[in-house]
């Protein structure tokens, strides 16, 4: 029973707690009613499908441990939390309104997810799942997640326009 409790899914708990607890503190551009508006269904469904599939794979992998895995997971988790903190504490700074700053929360999961992949042992229940399937899942999730974030950024910061106060632009478009 213990091997089914100590799976890599446990390593996603800090991310889920952080996301649930801190989403309300993110700038308006990242609030669900703004962030989800106008995104094509194929991107939304792709993002959700591959996120869910990653969580299923994480559940099926007992934590086996690897120095590289712990390093990638720890650094990735730290950068992920830092990317959110910068957006929360400095929402209208040059960093937070730049493409790299806006994309940081969408890019950094690649590190902690890869760390989880490296920490996982053989799949439970004797399933014949290969690690490359998890790698492809992570890659496709990141593709859809980053595409979603880029579309939001482009909607808020059209090319050729000076960066505007996202709060003003979001509020103006929402009305």
C-alpha atoms as a PDB file:
ATOM      1  CA  UNK A   1       0.000   0.000   0.000  1.00  0.00           C
ATOM      2  CA  UNK A   2       2.869   2.362   0.838  1.00  0.00           C
ATOM      3  CA  UNK A   3       4.208   2.262  -2.724  1.00  0.00           C
ATOM      4  CA  UNK A   4       0.856   3.519  -3.997  1.00  0.00           C
ATOM      5  CA  UNK A   5       0.890   6.433  -1.544  1.00  0.00           C
ATOM      6  CA  UNK A   6       4.480   7.536  -2.111  1.00  0.00           C
ATOM      7  CA  UNK A   7       4.113   8.366  -5.780  1.00  0.00           C
ATOM      8  CA  UNK A   8       5.362  11.336  -7.739  1.00  0.00           C
ATOM      9  CA  UNK A   9       1.858  12.777  -7.536  1.00  0.00           C
ATOM     10  CA  UNK A  10       2.831  13.922  -4.018  1.00  0.00           C
ATOM     11  CA  UNK A  11       5.420  16.199  -5.621  1.00  0.00           C
ATOM     12  CA  UNK A  12       2.659  18.086  -7.430  1.00  0.00           C
ATOM     13  CA  UNK A  13       0.910  18.975  -4.154  1.00  0.00           C
ATOM     14  CA  UNK A  14       3.037  22.099  -3.425  1.00  0.00           C
ATOM     15  CA  UNK A  15       2.262  23.400  -6.929  1.00  0.00           C
ATOM     16  CA  UNK A  16      -1.467  22.742  -6.557  1.00  0.00           C
ATOM     17  CA  UNK A  17      -1.595  24.384  -3.111  1.00  0.00           C
ATOM     18  CA  UNK A  18       0.355  27.385  -4.408  1.00  0.00           C
ATOM     19  CA  UNK A  19      -1.869  27.759  -7.470  1.00  0.00           C
ATOM     20  CA  UNK A  20      -5.099  27.496  -5.488  1.00  0.00           C
ATOM     21  CA  UNK A  21      -3.926  29.812  -2.728  1.00  0.00           C
ATOM     22  CA  UNK A  22      -2.201  32.464  -4.813  1.00  0.00           C
ATOM     23  CA  UNK A  23      -4.141  32.789  -8.086  1.00  0.00           C
ATOM     24  CA  UNK A  24      -6.339  35.518  -6.605  1.00  0.00           C
ATOM     25  CA  UNK A  25      -3.242  37.650  -5.959  1.00  0.00           C
ATOM     26  CA  UNK A  26      -1.993  37.562  -9.545  1.00  0.00           C
ATOM     27  CA  UNK A  27      -2.464  40.647 -11.749  1.00  0.00           C
ATOM     28  CA  UNK A  28      -5.779  40.993 -13.607  1.00  0.00           C
ATOM     29  CA  UNK A  29      -4.294  39.554 -16.810  1.00  0.00           C
ATOM     30  CA  UNK A  30      -3.857  36.191 -15.035  1.00  0.00           C
ATOM     31  CA  UNK A  31      -7.311  35.989 -13.489  1.00  0.00           C
ATOM     32  CA  UNK A  32      -9.375  33.162 -14.992  1.00  0.00           C
ATOM     33  CA  UNK A  33     -12.024  35.421 -16.559  1.00  0.00           C
ATOM     34  CA  UNK A  34      -9.325  37.326 -18.486  1.00  0.00           C
ATOM     35  CA  UNK A  35      -6.742  34.599 -19.004  1.00  0.00           C
ATOM     36  CA  UNK A  36      -9.278  32.184 -20.488  1.00  0.00           C
ATOM     37  CA  UNK A  37     -11.095  34.664 -22.722  1.00  0.00           C
ATOM     38  CA  UNK A  38     -10.732  34.213 -26.477  1.00  0.00           C
ATOM     39  CA  UNK A  39      -8.475  31.147 -26.341  1.00  0.00           C
ATOM     40  CA  UNK A  40      -9.244  28.616 -29.094  1.00  0.00           C
ATOM     41  CA  UNK A  41     -10.864  25.438 -27.801  1.00  0.00           C
ATOM     42  CA  UNK A  42      -8.143  23.210 -29.276  1.00  0.00           C
ATOM     43  CA  UNK A  43      -5.529  24.992 -27.130  1.00  0.00           C
ATOM     44  CA  UNK A  44      -7.655  24.827 -23.979  1.00  0.00           C
ATOM     45  CA  UNK A  45      -8.474  21.140 -24.497  1.00  0.00           C
ATOM     46  CA  UNK A  46      -4.896  20.251 -25.406  1.00  0.00           C
ATOM     47  CA  UNK A  47      -3.567  22.011 -22.320  1.00  0.00           C
ATOM     48  CA  UNK A  48      -6.074  20.284 -20.031  1.00  0.00           C
ATOM     49  CA  UNK A  49      -5.629  16.868 -21.634  1.00  0.00           C
ATOM     50  CA  UNK A  50      -1.830  16.823 -21.310  1.00  0.00           C
ATOM     51  CA  UNK A  51      -1.876  18.372 -17.811  1.00  0.00           C
ATOM     52  CA  UNK A  52      -4.264  15.612 -16.691  1.00  0.00           C
ATOM     53  CA  UNK A  53      -2.206  12.913 -18.415  1.00  0.00           C
ATOM     54  CA  UNK A  54       0.929  14.170 -16.632  1.00  0.00           C
ATOM     55  CA  UNK A  55      -0.849  13.889 -13.266  1.00  0.00           C
ATOM     56  CA  UNK A  56      -1.930  10.334 -14.129  1.00  0.00           C
ATOM     57  CA  UNK A  57       1.653   9.416 -15.037  1.00  0.00           C
ATOM     58  CA  UNK A  58       2.897  11.053 -11.803  1.00  0.00           C
ATOM     59  CA  UNK A  59       0.459   8.917  -9.814  1.00  0.00           C
ATOM     60  CA  UNK A  60       1.722   5.776 -11.541  1.00  0.00           C
ATOM     61  CA  UNK A  61       5.407   6.493 -10.747  1.00  0.00           C
ATOM     62  CA  UNK A  62       6.651   5.638  -7.246  1.00  0.00           C
ATOM     63  CA  UNK A  63       9.271   8.073  -5.965  1.00  0.00           C
ATOM     64  CA  UNK A  64      12.600   6.356  -6.566  1.00  0.00           C
ATOM     65  CA  UNK A  65      14.953   9.305  -6.139  1.00  0.00           C
ATOM     66  CA  UNK A  66      17.762  10.715  -8.198  1.00  0.00           C
ATOM     67  CA  UNK A  67      20.120  13.566  -7.371  1.00  0.00           C
ATOM     68  CA  UNK A  68      19.487  15.146 -10.758  1.00  0.00           C
ATOM     69  CA  UNK A  69      15.739  14.698 -10.321  1.00  0.00           C
ATOM     70  CA  UNK A  70      15.708  16.401  -6.918  1.00  0.00           C
ATOM     71  CA  UNK A  71      17.867  19.227  -8.309  1.00  0.00           C
ATOM     72  CA  UNK A  72      15.593  19.820 -11.325  1.00  0.00           C
ATOM     73  CA  UNK A  73      12.483  19.583  -9.177  1.00  0.00           C
ATOM     74  CA  UNK A  74      13.818  21.951  -6.491  1.00  0.00           C
ATOM     75  CA  UNK A  75      15.224  24.540  -8.878  1.00  0.00           C
ATOM     76  CA  UNK A  76      12.151  24.334 -11.107  1.00  0.00           C
ATOM     77  CA  UNK A  77       9.763  24.681  -8.179  1.00  0.00           C
ATOM     78  CA  UNK A  78      11.764  27.612  -6.798  1.00  0.00           C
ATOM     79  CA  UNK A  79      11.787  29.410 -10.155  1.00  0.00           C
ATOM     80  CA  UNK A  80       8.089  28.702 -10.624  1.00  0.00           C
ATOM     81  CA  UNK A  81       7.223  30.234  -7.233  1.00  0.00           C
ATOM     82  CA  UNK A  82       9.578  33.169  -7.885  1.00  0.00           C
ATOM     83  CA  UNK A  83       7.951  33.833 -11.264  1.00  0.00           C
ATOM     84  CA  UNK A  84       4.576  34.119  -9.537  1.00  0.00           C
ATOM     85  CA  UNK A  85       5.952  36.291  -6.719  1.00  0.00           C
ATOM     86  CA  UNK A  86       7.418  38.766  -9.203  1.00  0.00           C
ATOM     87  CA  UNK A  87       4.066  39.044 -10.957  1.00  0.00           C
ATOM     88  CA  UNK A  88       2.246  39.460  -7.642  1.00  0.00           C
ATOM     89  CA  UNK A  89       4.642  41.936  -6.019  1.00  0.00           C
ATOM     90  CA  UNK A  90       5.646  43.881  -9.167  1.00  0.00           C
ATOM     91  CA  UNK A  91       2.671  43.456 -11.515  1.00  0.00           C
ATOM     92  CA  UNK A  92       3.348  46.501 -13.701  1.00  0.00           C
ATOM     93  CA  UNK A  93       7.142  46.367 -13.731  1.00  0.00           C
ATOM     94  CA  UNK A  94       9.166  46.074 -16.909  1.00  0.00           C
ATOM     95  CA  UNK A  95       9.808  42.414 -16.088  1.00  0.00           C
ATOM     96  CA  UNK A  96       6.185  41.479 -15.451  1.00  0.00           C
ATOM     97  CA  UNK A  97       4.951  43.211 -18.604  1.00  0.00           C
ATOM     98  CA  UNK A  98       7.753  41.817 -20.802  1.00  0.00           C
ATOM     99  CA  UNK A  99       7.249  38.627 -22.781  1.00  0.00           C
ATOM    100  CA  UNK A 100       9.824  36.647 -20.720  1.00  0.00           C
ATOM    101  CA  UNK A 101       8.326  37.852 -17.423  1.00  0.00           C
ATOM    102  CA  UNK A 102       4.767  37.187 -18.532  1.00  0.00           C
ATOM    103  CA  UNK A 103       5.720  33.723 -19.832  1.00  0.00           C
ATOM    104  CA  UNK A 104       7.856  32.689 -16.849  1.00  0.00           C
ATOM    105  CA  UNK A 105       5.019  30.864 -15.010  1.00  0.00           C
ATOM    106  CA  UNK A 106       4.295  28.937 -18.223  1.00  0.00           C
ATOM    107  CA  UNK A 107       7.943  28.069 -18.926  1.00  0.00           C
ATOM    108  CA  UNK A 108       9.182  27.010 -15.479  1.00  0.00           C
ATOM    109  CA  UNK A 109       6.885  23.966 -15.076  1.00  0.00           C
ATOM    110  CA  UNK A 110       9.125  22.269 -17.623  1.00  0.00           C
ATOM    111  CA  UNK A 111      11.880  22.079 -15.000  1.00  0.00           C
ATOM    112  CA  UNK A 112       9.877  20.754 -12.068  1.00  0.00           C
ATOM    113  CA  UNK A 113       7.945  18.353 -14.303  1.00  0.00           C
ATOM    114  CA  UNK A 114      11.212  16.992 -15.712  1.00  0.00           C
ATOM    115  CA  UNK A 115      12.465  16.662 -12.142  1.00  0.00           C
ATOM    116  CA  UNK A 116       9.395  14.583 -11.301  1.00  0.00           C
ATOM    117  CA  UNK A 117      10.052  12.417 -14.362  1.00  0.00           C
ATOM    118  CA  UNK A 118      13.648  11.832 -13.197  1.00  0.00           C
ATOM    119  CA  UNK A 119      12.477  11.033  -9.653  1.00  0.00           C
ATOM    120  CA  UNK A 120       9.961   8.461 -10.776  1.00  0.00           C
ATOM    121  CA  UNK A 121      10.738   4.784 -10.683  1.00  0.00           C
ATOM    122  CA  UNK A 122       9.182   2.036 -12.732  1.00  0.00           C
ATOM    123  CA  UNK A 123       5.478   2.406 -13.312  1.00  0.00           C
ATOM    124  CA  UNK A 124       3.138   0.819 -10.777  1.00  0.00           C
ATOM    125  CA  UNK A 125       0.792  -2.038 -11.573  1.00  0.00           C
ATOM    126  CA  UNK A 126       3.345  -3.448 -14.040  1.00  0.00           C
ATOM    127  CA  UNK A 127       2.137  -1.065 -16.739  1.00  0.00           C
ATOM    128  CA  UNK A 128       4.303  -1.076 -19.876  1.00  0.00           C
ATOM    129  CA  UNK A 129       4.544   2.715 -20.068  1.00  0.00           C
ATOM    130  CA  UNK A 130       7.826   4.139 -21.306  1.00  0.00           C
ATOM    131  CA  UNK A 131       9.523   7.299 -20.058  1.00  0.00           C
ATOM    132  CA  UNK A 132       9.449   8.798 -23.550  1.00  0.00           C
ATOM    133  CA  UNK A 133       5.636   8.880 -23.260  1.00  0.00           C
ATOM    134  CA  UNK A 134       5.953  11.085 -20.169  1.00  0.00           C
ATOM    135  CA  UNK A 135       8.519  13.287 -21.966  1.00  0.00           C
ATOM    136  CA  UNK A 136       6.144  13.725 -24.910  1.00  0.00           C
ATOM    137  CA  UNK A 137       3.294  14.510 -22.498  1.00  0.00           C
ATOM    138  CA  UNK A 138       5.386  17.193 -20.759  1.00  0.00           C
ATOM    139  CA  UNK A 139       6.418  18.660 -24.118  1.00  0.00           C
ATOM    140  CA  UNK A 140       2.860  18.796 -25.437  1.00  0.00           C
ATOM    141  CA  UNK A 141       1.539  20.271 -22.193  1.00  0.00           C
ATOM    142  CA  UNK A 142       4.219  22.981 -22.374  1.00  0.00           C
ATOM    143  CA  UNK A 143       3.398  23.657 -26.036  1.00  0.00           C
ATOM    144  CA  UNK A 144      -0.284  24.281 -25.281  1.00  0.00           C
ATOM    145  CA  UNK A 145       0.389  26.090 -21.986  1.00  0.00           C
ATOM    146  CA  UNK A 146       2.914  28.467 -23.560  1.00  0.00           C
ATOM    147  CA  UNK A 147       0.713  29.004 -26.643  1.00  0.00           C
ATOM    148  CA  UNK A 148      -2.170  29.943 -24.333  1.00  0.00           C
ATOM    149  CA  UNK A 149       0.006  32.432 -22.435  1.00  0.00           C
ATOM    150  CA  UNK A 150       1.449  33.945 -25.627  1.00  0.00           C
ATOM    151  CA  UNK A 151      -2.076  34.537 -26.966  1.00  0.00           C
ATOM    152  CA  UNK A 152      -3.040  36.353 -23.762  1.00  0.00           C
ATOM    153  CA  UNK A 153       0.148  38.423 -23.888  1.00  0.00           C
ATOM    154  CA  UNK A 154      -0.420  39.362 -27.538  1.00  0.00           C
ATOM    155  CA  UNK A 155      -4.004  40.357 -26.754  1.00  0.00           C
ATOM    156  CA  UNK A 156      -2.827  42.658 -23.957  1.00  0.00           C
ATOM    157  CA  UNK A 157       0.382  43.956 -25.519  1.00  0.00           C
ATOM    158  CA  UNK A 158      -0.176  44.242 -29.264  1.00  0.00           C
ATOM    159  CA  UNK A 159       3.039  44.505 -31.309  1.00  0.00           C
ATOM    160  CA  UNK A 160       4.167  48.037 -32.003  1.00  0.00           C
ATOM    161  CA  UNK A 161       2.359  49.497 -29.016  1.00  0.00           C
ATOM    162  CA  UNK A 162       4.168  50.691 -25.930  1.00  0.00           C
ATOM    163  CA  UNK A 163       3.525  48.515 -22.900  1.00  0.00           C
ATOM    164  CA  UNK A 164       0.346  49.701 -21.255  1.00  0.00           C
ATOM    165  CA  UNK A 165      -0.871  49.259 -17.733  1.00  0.00           C
ATOM    166  CA  UNK A 166      -2.397  45.760 -17.953  1.00  0.00           C
ATOM    167  CA  UNK A 167      -5.008  46.640 -15.337  1.00  0.00           C
ATOM    168  CA  UNK A 168      -6.335  49.464 -17.506  1.00  0.00           C
ATOM    169  CA  UNK A 169      -6.278  47.440 -20.721  1.00  0.00           C
ATOM    170  CA  UNK A 170      -7.940  44.426 -19.114  1.00  0.00           C
ATOM    171  CA  UNK A 171     -10.635  46.510 -17.451  1.00  0.00           C
ATOM    172  CA  UNK A 172     -11.310  48.428 -20.667  1.00  0.00           C
ATOM    173  CA  UNK A 173     -11.655  45.225 -22.713  1.00  0.00           C
ATOM    174  CA  UNK A 174     -13.816  43.490 -20.124  1.00  0.00           C
ATOM    175  CA  UNK A 175     -16.489  46.207 -20.258  1.00  0.00           C
END
